[in-house]
PDB file of N, CA and C in Angstrom:
ATOM      1  N   MET A   1      -3.288  10.418  -1.362  1.00  0.00           N
ATOM      2  CA  MET A   1      -3.031   9.962  -2.716  1.00  0.00           C
ATOM      3  C   MET A   1      -4.141   9.009  -3.101  1.00  0.00           C
ATOM      4  N   LYS A   2      -4.429   9.015  -4.371  1.00  0.00           N
ATOM      5  CA  LYS A   2      -5.441   8.114  -4.944  1.00  0.00           C
ATOM      6  C   LYS A   2      -4.752   7.239  -6.000  1.00  0.00           C
ATOM      7  N   TYR A   3      -4.779   5.913  -5.784  1.00  0.00           N
ATOM      8  CA  TYR A   3      -4.221   4.973  -6.750  1.00  0.00           C
ATOM      9  C   TYR A   3      -5.322   4.279  -7.546  1.00  0.00           C
ATOM     10  N   ALA A   4      -5.098   4.052  -8.823  1.00  0.00           N
ATOM     11  CA  ALA A   4      -6.054   3.331  -9.656  1.00  0.00           C
ATOM     12  C   ALA A   4      -6.082   1.884  -9.210  1.00  0.00           C
ATOM     13  N   VAL A   5      -7.253   1.301  -9.126  1.00  0.00           N
ATOM     14  CA  VAL A   5      -7.415  -0.067  -8.725  1.00  0.00           C
ATOM     15  C   VAL A   5      -8.179  -0.759  -9.861  1.00  0.00           C
ATOM     16  N   VAL A   6      -7.672  -1.918 -10.254  1.00  0.00           N
ATOM     17  CA  VAL A   6      -8.344  -2.742 -11.302  1.00  0.00           C
ATOM     18  C   VAL A   6      -9.075  -3.859 -10.578  1.00  0.00           C
ATOM     19  N   ILE A   7     -10.383  -3.955 -10.850  1.00  0.00           N
ATOM     20  CA  ILE A   7     -11.183  -4.982 -10.285  1.00  0.00           C
ATOM     21  C   ILE A   7     -11.546  -5.978 -11.339  1.00  0.00           C
ATOM     22  N   GLU A   8     -11.343  -7.293 -11.041  1.00  0.00           N
ATOM     23  CA  GLU A   8     -11.721  -8.322 -12.007  1.00  0.00           C
ATOM     24  C   GLU A   8     -12.679  -9.301 -11.311  1.00  0.00           C
ATOM     25  N   LYS A   9     -13.788  -9.569 -12.004  1.00  0.00           N
ATOM     26  CA  LYS A   9     -14.764 -10.536 -11.438  1.00  0.00           C
ATOM     27  C   LYS A   9     -14.438 -11.890 -11.960  1.00  0.00           C
ATOM     28  N   GLY A  10     -14.219 -12.838 -10.963  1.00  0.00           N
ATOM     29  CA  GLY A  10     -14.021 -14.205 -11.291  1.00  0.00           C
ATOM     30  C   GLY A  10     -15.290 -14.982 -11.152  1.00  0.00           C
ATOM     31  N   ASP A  11     -15.180 -16.279 -11.233  1.00  0.00           N
ATOM     32  CA  ASP A  11     -16.394 -17.157 -11.084  1.00  0.00           C
ATOM     33  C   ASP A  11     -16.996 -17.015  -9.692  1.00  0.00           C
ATOM     34  N   ASN A  12     -16.112 -16.970  -8.662  1.00  0.00           N
ATOM     35  CA  ASN A  12     -16.670 -16.992  -7.270  1.00  0.00           C
ATOM     36  C   ASN A  12     -16.065 -15.871  -6.435  1.00  0.00           C
ATOM     37  N   SER A  13     -15.363 -14.931  -7.015  1.00  0.00           N
ATOM     38  CA  SER A  13     -14.748 -13.877  -6.222  1.00  0.00           C
ATOM     39  C   SER A  13     -14.381 -12.673  -7.111  1.00  0.00           C
ATOM     40  N   TYR A  14     -13.895 -11.622  -6.443  1.00  0.00           N
ATOM     41  CA  TYR A  14     -13.429 -10.436  -7.121  1.00  0.00           C
ATOM     42  C   TYR A  14     -11.942 -10.286  -6.753  1.00  0.00           C
ATOM     43  N   GLY A  15     -11.156  -9.931  -7.748  1.00  0.00           N
ATOM     44  CA  GLY A  15      -9.734  -9.684  -7.489  1.00  0.00           C
ATOM     45  C   GLY A  15      -9.496  -8.162  -7.698  1.00  0.00           C
ATOM     46  N   ALA A  16      -8.595  -7.636  -6.939  1.00  0.00           N
ATOM     47  CA  ALA A  16      -8.237  -6.226  -7.103  1.00  0.00           C
ATOM     48  C   ALA A  16      -6.696  -6.086  -7.070  1.00  0.00           C
ATOM     49  N   ASP A  17      -6.189  -5.244  -7.959  1.00  0.00           N
ATOM     50  CA  ASP A  17      -4.769  -5.005  -7.950  1.00  0.00           C
ATOM     51  C   ASP A  17      -4.493  -3.508  -8.300  1.00  0.00           C
ATOM     52  N   VAL A  18      -3.324  -3.106  -7.923  1.00  0.00           N
ATOM     53  CA  VAL A  18      -2.948  -1.681  -8.110  1.00  0.00           C
ATOM     54  C   VAL A  18      -1.736  -1.609  -9.067  1.00  0.00           C
ATOM     55  N   PRO A  19      -1.978  -1.166 -10.296  1.00  0.00           N
ATOM     56  CA  PRO A  19      -0.920  -1.136 -11.300  1.00  0.00           C
ATOM     57  C   PRO A  19       0.337  -0.349 -10.851  1.00  0.00           C
ATOM     58  N   ASP A  20       0.156   0.721 -10.107  1.00  0.00           N
ATOM     59  CA  ASP A  20       1.254   1.522  -9.655  1.00  0.00           C
ATOM     60  C   ASP A  20       2.040   0.910  -8.473  1.00  0.00           C
ATOM     61  N   LEU A  21       1.507  -0.132  -7.871  1.00  0.00           N
ATOM     62  CA  LEU A  21       2.140  -0.785  -6.736  1.00  0.00           C
ATOM     63  C   LEU A  21       2.212  -2.284  -6.990  1.00  0.00           C
ATOM     64  N   PRO A  22       3.143  -2.701  -7.848  1.00  0.00           N
ATOM     65  CA  PRO A  22       3.243  -4.132  -8.183  1.00  0.00           C
ATOM     66  C   PRO A  22       3.271  -5.026  -6.921  1.00  0.00           C
ATOM     67  N   GLY A  23       2.481  -6.078  -7.014  1.00  0.00           N
ATOM     68  CA  GLY A  23       2.412  -7.014  -5.878  1.00  0.00           C
ATOM     69  C   GLY A  23       1.303  -6.663  -4.856  1.00  0.00           C
ATOM     70  N   CYS A  24       0.687  -5.536  -4.996  1.00  0.00           N
ATOM     71  CA  CYS A  24      -0.346  -5.114  -4.101  1.00  0.00           C
ATOM     72  C   CYS A  24      -1.699  -5.563  -4.673  1.00  0.00           C
ATOM     73  N   VAL A  25      -2.208  -6.672  -4.058  1.00  0.00           N
ATOM     74  CA  VAL A  25      -3.390  -7.328  -4.525  1.00  0.00           C
ATOM     75  C   VAL A  25      -4.310  -7.709  -3.392  1.00  0.00           C
ATOM     76  N   ALA A  26      -5.575  -7.933  -3.679  1.00  0.00           N
ATOM     77  CA  ALA A  26      -6.550  -8.423  -2.705  1.00  0.00           C
ATOM     78  C   ALA A  26      -7.671  -9.200  -3.439  1.00  0.00           C
ATOM     79  N   VAL A  27      -8.269 -10.135  -2.687  1.00  0.00           N
ATOM     80  CA  VAL A  27      -9.389 -10.920  -3.228  1.00  0.00           C
ATOM     81  C   VAL A  27     -10.485 -10.933  -2.223  1.00  0.00           C
ATOM     82  N   GLY A  28     -11.742 -10.763  -2.664  1.00  0.00           N
ATOM     83  CA  GLY A  28     -12.915 -10.812  -1.797  1.00  0.00           C
ATOM     84  C   GLY A  28     -14.029 -11.521  -2.466  1.00  0.00           C
ATOM     85  N   GLU A  29     -14.947 -11.940  -1.625  1.00  0.00           N
ATOM     86  CA  GLU A  29     -16.154 -12.664  -2.163  1.00  0.00           C
ATOM     87  C   GLU A  29     -17.068 -11.743  -2.911  1.00  0.00           C
ATOM     88  N   THR A  30     -17.058 -10.442  -2.494  1.00  0.00           N
ATOM     89  CA  THR A  30     -17.921  -9.441  -3.163  1.00  0.00           C
ATOM     90  C   THR A  30     -17.000  -8.293  -3.641  1.00  0.00           C
ATOM     91  N   ARG A  31     -17.519  -7.458  -4.535  1.00  0.00           N
ATOM     92  CA  ARG A  31     -16.793  -6.290  -4.984  1.00  0.00           C
ATOM     93  C   ARG A  31     -16.458  -5.366  -3.836  1.00  0.00           C
ATOM     94  N   ASP A  32     -17.485  -5.155  -2.991  1.00  0.00           N
ATOM     95  CA  ASP A  32     -17.259  -4.299  -1.814  1.00  0.00           C
ATOM     96  C   ASP A  32     -16.158  -4.853  -0.870  1.00  0.00           C
ATOM     97  N   GLU A  33     -16.143  -6.124  -0.688  1.00  0.00           N
ATOM     98  CA  GLU A  33     -15.106  -6.692   0.189  1.00  0.00           C
ATOM     99  C   GLU A  33     -13.737  -6.551  -0.483  1.00  0.00           C
ATOM    100  N   ALA A  34     -13.648  -6.816  -1.812  1.00  0.00           N
ATOM    101  CA  ALA A  34     -12.370  -6.617  -2.507  1.00  0.00           C
ATOM    102  C   ALA A  34     -11.862  -5.197  -2.416  1.00  0.00           C
ATOM    103  N   MET A  35     -12.798  -4.228  -2.527  1.00  0.00           N
ATOM    104  CA  MET A  35     -12.404  -2.828  -2.420  1.00  0.00           C
ATOM    105  C   MET A  35     -11.929  -2.462  -0.992  1.00  0.00           C
ATOM    106  N   SER A  36     -12.577  -2.985  -0.023  1.00  0.00           N
ATOM    107  CA  SER A  36     -12.193  -2.720   1.340  1.00  0.00           C
ATOM    108  C   SER A  36     -10.785  -3.351   1.629  1.00  0.00           C
ATOM    109  N   LEU A  37     -10.613  -4.582   1.168  1.00  0.00           N
ATOM    110  CA  LEU A  37      -9.336  -5.249   1.375  1.00  0.00           C
ATOM    111  C   LEU A  37      -8.208  -4.594   0.609  1.00  0.00           C
ATOM    112  N   ILE A  38      -8.463  -4.075  -0.593  1.00  0.00           N
ATOM    113  CA  ILE A  38      -7.350  -3.466  -1.382  1.00  0.00           C
ATOM    114  C   ILE A  38      -6.972  -2.145  -0.746  1.00  0.00           C
ATOM    115  N   LYS A  39      -7.898  -1.436  -0.093  1.00  0.00           N
ATOM    116  CA  LYS A  39      -7.577  -0.215   0.607  1.00  0.00           C
ATOM    117  C   LYS A  39      -6.610  -0.541   1.755  1.00  0.00           C
ATOM    118  N   GLU A  40      -6.907  -1.562   2.513  1.00  0.00           N
ATOM    119  CA  GLU A  40      -6.022  -2.023   3.590  1.00  0.00           C
ATOM    120  C   GLU A  40      -4.674  -2.490   3.014  1.00  0.00           C
ATOM    121  N   ALA A  41      -4.707  -3.186   1.875  1.00  0.00           N
ATOM    122  CA  ALA A  41      -3.469  -3.695   1.283  1.00  0.00           C
ATOM    123  C   ALA A  41      -2.569  -2.512   0.872  1.00  0.00           C
ATOM    124  N   ILE A  42      -3.190  -1.509   0.260  1.00  0.00           N
ATOM    125  CA  ILE A  42      -2.433  -0.335  -0.142  1.00  0.00           C
ATOM    126  C   ILE A  42      -1.723   0.328   1.051  1.00  0.00           C
ATOM    127  N   GLU A  43      -2.506   0.538   2.090  1.00  0.00           N
ATOM    128  CA  GLU A  43      -1.912   1.162   3.294  1.00  0.00           C
ATOM    129  C   GLU A  43      -0.764   0.303   3.861  1.00  0.00           C
ATOM    130  N   PHE A  44      -1.031  -1.020   3.905  1.00  0.00           N
ATOM    131  CA  PHE A  44       0.043  -1.905   4.397  1.00  0.00           C
ATOM    132  C   PHE A  44       1.292  -1.941   3.505  1.00  0.00           C
ATOM    133  N   HIS A  45       1.028  -1.925   2.214  1.00  0.00           N
ATOM    134  CA  HIS A  45       2.111  -1.919   1.230  1.00  0.00           C
ATOM    135  C   HIS A  45       2.964  -0.664   1.372  1.00  0.00           C
ATOM    136  N   LEU A  46       2.327   0.497   1.436  1.00  0.00           N
ATOM    137  CA  LEU A  46       3.046   1.790   1.600  1.00  0.00           C
ATOM    138  C   LEU A  46       3.800   1.852   2.877  1.00  0.00           C
ATOM    139  N   GLU A  47       3.183   1.310   3.950  1.00  0.00           N
ATOM    140  CA  GLU A  47       3.844   1.323   5.279  1.00  0.00           C
ATOM    141  C   GLU A  47       5.129   0.505   5.199  1.00  0.00           C
ATOM    142  N   GLY A  48       5.049  -0.662   4.566  1.00  0.00           N
ATOM    143  CA  GLY A  48       6.284  -1.517   4.405  1.00  0.00           C
ATOM    144  C   GLY A  48       7.316  -0.798   3.554  1.00  0.00           C
ATOM    145  N   MET A  49       6.926  -0.085   2.518  1.00  0.00           N
ATOM    146  CA  MET A  49       7.863   0.580   1.689  1.00  0.00           C
ATOM    147  C   MET A  49       8.544   1.688   2.492  1.00  0.00           C
ATOM    148  N   ARG A  50       7.797   2.434   3.306  1.00  0.00           N
ATOM    149  CA  ARG A  50       8.382   3.475   4.152  1.00  0.00           C
ATOM    150  C   ARG A  50       9.392   2.888   5.082  1.00  0.00           C
ATOM    151  N   GLU A  51       9.006   1.778   5.778  1.00  0.00           N
ATOM    152  CA  GLU A  51       9.901   1.110   6.727  1.00  0.00           C
ATOM    153  C   GLU A  51      11.200   0.633   6.102  1.00  0.00           C
ATOM    154  N   ASP A  52      11.065   0.255   4.835  1.00  0.00           N
ATOM    155  CA  ASP A  52      12.294  -0.266   4.096  1.00  0.00           C
ATOM    156  C   ASP A  52      13.085   0.877   3.421  1.00  0.00           C
ATOM    157  N   GLY A  53      12.606   2.091   3.619  1.00  0.00           N
ATOM    158  CA  GLY A  53      13.308   3.271   3.044  1.00  0.00           C
ATOM    159  C   GLY A  53      13.137   3.412   1.549  1.00  0.00           C
ATOM    160  N   GLU A  54      12.102   2.753   1.002  1.00  0.00           N
ATOM    161  CA  GLU A  54      11.854   2.865  -0.456  1.00  0.00           C
ATOM    162  C   GLU A  54      11.123   4.136  -0.760  1.00  0.00           C
ATOM    163  N   ILE A  55      11.268   4.547  -1.997  1.00  0.00           N
ATOM    164  CA  ILE A  55      10.518   5.719  -2.469  1.00  0.00           C
ATOM    165  C   ILE A  55       9.101   5.334  -2.804  1.00  0.00           C
ATOM    166  N   ILE A  56       8.169   6.074  -2.261  1.00  0.00           N
ATOM    167  CA  ILE A  56       6.743   5.799  -2.509  1.00  0.00           C
ATOM    168  C   ILE A  56       6.399   6.379  -3.898  1.00  0.00           C
ATOM    169  N   PRO A  57       5.948   5.410  -4.820  1.00  0.00           N
ATOM    170  CA  PRO A  57       5.617   5.925  -6.159  1.00  0.00           C
ATOM    171  C   PRO A  57       4.358   6.736  -6.174  1.00  0.00           C
ATOM    172  N   LYS A  58       4.386   7.842  -6.917  1.00  0.00           N
ATOM    173  CA  LYS A  58       3.196   8.685  -7.043  1.00  0.00           C
ATOM    174  C   LYS A  58       2.277   7.947  -8.041  1.00  0.00           C
ATOM    175  N   PRO A  59       0.941   8.067  -7.822  1.00  0.00           N
ATOM    176  CA  PRO A  59       0.033   7.457  -8.736  1.00  0.00           C
ATOM    177  C   PRO A  59       0.217   8.100 -10.086  1.00  0.00           C
ATOM    178  N   HIS A  60       0.259   7.257 -11.139  1.00  0.00           N
ATOM    179  CA  HIS A  60       0.340   7.768 -12.489  1.00  0.00           C
ATOM    180  C   HIS A  60      -0.509   7.039 -13.515  1.00  0.00           C
ATOM    181  N   THR A  61      -1.084   5.913 -13.065  1.00  0.00           N
ATOM    182  CA  THR A  61      -1.981   5.177 -13.982  1.00  0.00           C
ATOM    183  C   THR A  61      -3.324   5.880 -14.148  1.00  0.00           C
ATOM    184  N   GLU A  62      -3.749   6.028 -15.389  1.00  0.00           N
ATOM    185  CA  GLU A  62      -5.082   6.551 -15.657  1.00  0.00           C
ATOM    186  C   GLU A  62      -5.942   5.481 -16.268  1.00  0.00           C
ATOM    187  N   THR A  63      -7.226   5.587 -16.123  1.00  0.00           N
ATOM    188  CA  THR A  63      -8.137   4.586 -16.691  1.00  0.00           C
ATOM    189  C   THR A  63      -9.177   5.256 -17.563  1.00  0.00           C
ATOM    190  N   GLU A  64      -9.552   4.585 -18.552  1.00  0.00           N
ATOM    191  CA  GLU A  64     -10.654   5.007 -19.476  1.00  0.00           C
ATOM    192  C   GLU A  64     -11.309   3.811 -20.018  1.00  0.00           C
ATOM    193  N   TYR A  65     -12.539   3.918 -20.390  1.00  0.00           N
ATOM    194  CA  TYR A  65     -13.281   2.864 -21.063  1.00  0.00           C
ATOM    195  C   TYR A  65     -13.350   3.227 -22.522  1.00  0.00           C
ATOM    196  N   VAL A  66     -13.170   2.236 -23.382  1.00  0.00           N
ATOM    197  CA  VAL A  66     -13.299   2.447 -24.842  1.00  0.00           C
ATOM    198  C   VAL A  66     -14.475   1.589 -25.294  1.00  0.00           C
ATOM    199  N   GLU A  67     -15.458   2.228 -25.929  1.00  0.00           N
ATOM    200  CA  GLU A  67     -16.577   1.539 -26.460  1.00  0.00           C
ATOM    201  C   GLU A  67     -16.314   1.069 -27.871  1.00  0.00           C
ATOM    202  N   VAL A  68     -16.535  -0.192 -28.174  1.00  0.00           N
ATOM    203  CA  VAL A  68     -16.411  -0.726 -29.522  1.00  0.00           C
ATOM    204  C   VAL A  68     -17.674  -1.364 -29.953  1.00  0.00           C
ATOM    205  N   LEU A  69     -17.984  -1.310 -31.204  1.00  0.00           N
ATOM    206  CA  LEU A  69     -19.173  -1.965 -31.745  1.00  0.00           C
ATOM    207  C   LEU A  69     -18.826  -3.394 -32.100  1.00  0.00           C
ATOM    208  N   SER A  70     -19.658  -4.323 -31.736  1.00  0.00           N
ATOM    209  CA  SER A  70     -19.377  -5.693 -32.059  1.00  0.00           C
ATOM    210  C   SER A  70     -19.803  -5.956 -33.505  1.00  0.00           C
ATOM    211  N   ALA A  71     -19.120  -6.880 -34.146  1.00  0.00           N
ATOM    212  CA  ALA A  71     -19.391  -7.174 -35.554  1.00  0.00           C
ATOM    213  C   ALA A  71     -20.637  -7.980 -35.740  1.00  0.00           C
TER     214      ALA A  71
END
């Protein structure tokens, strides 16, 4: 399965979260580190859900960029 990941650049780090898996987040010093950590976080999150007998949500979030002209 492929889940959409939102990456946000902060002043000193990058944050990553998965809209389809509330609470599944990671923070890294670099974008690559944040992506590596969120992959691990997704796997861990799904493992916990399976162990708890929860239904694994199918990915449904889609992403697009919208270009706007500045005034």
